[in-house]
Protein backbone atom coordinates (compact mmCIF):
# COMPACT_ATOMS: atom_id res chain seq x y z
CA MET A 1 -29.26 15.88 2.76
CA PHE A 2 -25.57 15.34 3.66
CA ASP A 3 -23.56 12.73 2.04
CA ARG A 4 -22.52 10.61 4.83
CA ASP A 5 -19.94 8.56 2.84
CA PRO A 6 -16.58 8.52 4.69
CA PHE A 7 -13.80 10.87 3.43
CA ARG A 8 -11.61 9.05 1.00
CA ILE A 9 -8.10 9.90 0.09
CA ARG A 10 -7.34 9.88 -3.77
CA LEU A 11 -3.62 10.05 -4.39
CA ARG A 12 -3.52 8.39 -7.87
CA ASP A 13 -0.38 8.54 -9.87
CA VAL A 14 1.36 10.66 -7.33
CA PHE A 15 5.18 10.45 -6.55
CA MET A 16 5.54 9.76 -2.82
CA ARG A 17 8.85 8.09 -2.49
CA ARG A 18 10.24 7.85 1.12
CA THR A 19 7.26 9.40 2.79
CA ASP A 20 5.93 8.39 6.20
CA TRP A 21 2.47 6.99 6.40
CA SER A 22 2.92 5.10 9.52
CA GLY A 23 -0.24 4.50 11.33
CA ALA A 24 -2.21 6.53 8.77
CA ASP A 25 -5.96 5.64 8.29
CA LEU A 26 -5.86 4.86 4.48
CA ILE A 27 -9.35 2.99 4.43
CA GLU A 28 -10.59 2.88 0.83
CA ALA A 29 -7.75 5.19 -0.32
CA ASP A 30 -6.96 5.28 -4.02
CA LEU A 31 -3.22 4.89 -4.37
CA SER A 32 -3.41 3.49 -7.88
CA GLY A 33 -0.22 4.00 -9.93
CA SER A 34 1.51 5.95 -7.28
CA ASP A 35 5.15 5.43 -6.28
CA LEU A 36 5.41 4.70 -2.73
CA SER A 37 9.07 3.26 -2.86
CA HIS A 38 10.87 3.10 0.36
CA ALA A 39 7.81 4.77 1.89
CA SER A 40 6.73 3.58 5.51
CA LEU A 41 3.39 2.23 5.89
CA ALA A 42 4.01 0.64 9.10
CA GLY A 43 0.70 0.12 11.06
CA ALA A 44 -1.32 1.99 8.49
CA ASN A 45 -4.97 0.83 8.01
CA LEU A 46 -5.21 -0.19 4.29
CA GLU A 47 -8.71 -1.72 4.46
CA SER A 48 -10.12 -1.77 0.79
CA ALA A 49 -7.25 0.49 -0.31
CA LYS A 50 -6.61 0.45 -4.07
CA LEU A 51 -3.11 -0.60 -5.10
CA ASP A 52 -3.32 -1.45 -8.56
CA GLY A 53 -0.04 -0.47 -10.12
CA THR A 54 1.16 1.08 -6.91
CA ILE A 55 4.93 0.94 -6.67
CA LEU A 56 5.87 -0.39 -3.21
CA ARG A 57 9.55 -1.39 -3.78
CA GLY A 58 11.36 -1.35 -0.41
CA ALA A 59 8.24 -0.08 1.26
CA ASP A 60 7.81 -0.87 4.90
CA LEU A 61 4.35 -2.58 5.53
CA THR A 62 5.06 -4.24 8.74
CA ASP A 63 2.02 -4.23 11.02
CA ALA A 64 -0.13 -2.81 8.34
CA GLN A 65 -3.69 -3.51 9.21
CA ASN A 66 -6.42 -5.05 6.87
CA LEU A 67 -4.15 -5.58 3.94
CA THR A 68 -4.86 -8.55 1.73
CA VAL A 69 -2.90 -10.56 -0.75
CA GLU A 70 -5.62 -9.69 -3.39
CA GLN A 71 -4.60 -6.07 -2.75
CA LEU A 72 -0.93 -6.63 -3.21
CA ARG A 73 -1.29 -8.68 -6.23
CA GLY A 74 -2.06 -5.52 -8.07
CA ALA A 75 0.98 -3.68 -6.56
CA ILE A 76 4.73 -3.71 -7.68
CA LEU A 77 6.73 -5.36 -4.91
CA ASP A 78 10.40 -6.34 -4.58
CA ALA A 79 12.48 -8.44 -2.31
CA GLU A 80 13.13 -5.37 0.04
CA THR A 81 9.30 -4.85 0.55
CA LYS A 82 8.61 -5.60 4.20
CA LEU A 83 5.35 -7.37 4.45
CA PRO A 84 3.12 -7.83 7.55
CA ALA A 85 3.73 -11.11 9.32
CA TYR A 86 0.17 -12.31 8.36
CA ILE A 87 0.82 -12.01 4.61
CA ASP A 88 2.31 -15.06 2.88
CA GLY A 89 4.89 -13.46 0.47
CA SER A 90 5.28 -16.54 -1.45
CA LEU A 91 1.90 -15.84 -2.91
CA LEU A 92 3.06 -12.65 -4.44
CA SER A 93 5.13 -11.81 -7.56
CA LEU A 94 8.05 -9.78 -7.03
CA ALA A 95 9.58 -7.29 -9.67
CA ALA A 96 12.96 -7.56 -10.66
CA ALA A 97 15.53 -5.20 -8.81
CA GLU A 98 15.90 -1.67 -10.45
């Protein structure tokens, strides 16, 4: 029998600063502990993606799909992180500037 689980991206603890993930399908991706500082995730589908400890300082998340406040609470954000319009940034803690 074939395992019919969808392919999942596992990029834990990876240095991916300034990379372009615009429009990427990152459903259930494990990005825990990775450094995505100043990366573009604009329009990416982040449904059920694991963002625990993911560094998103200055990252562009505009128009990201299926992203939740709960996912972002486990990530490291700063005042330069661009959030989707549907996310209330006041519900999140921001890290101090580097």
